[in-house]
């Protein structure tokens, strides 16, 4: 099974918590970590933006990624939210199995 870290930036800690809770409740991800107070510099509509954001990092499987992306897009306040996944190449086998088990649903 291919495991993934999902990286999502949000406008606030509250938005990250709301999206994260929905993803966990719907078993699209096994776990979410939220990092608040991130400084972000980026281009948007021809201008450089300098904002504070929160980062949501979720753990899931590659099979769940299409659903994760669509759910984040539906819940997110941004017109074009950052939702990207990074492969987990190695890790504690018991932890990786936990991710798989929790995202299968009950």
Foldseek 3Di string as FASTA:
>chain_A
DWKKKKKWKAQFPVLLVVLQVVCLVLLLFVDKDKAFQDWDWDDDPHDIDTGGIMMIITMAGPVSVVVSVVSCCVSGPDPDIRIDIDIDPDDDVVVNVSGVVSSVDD
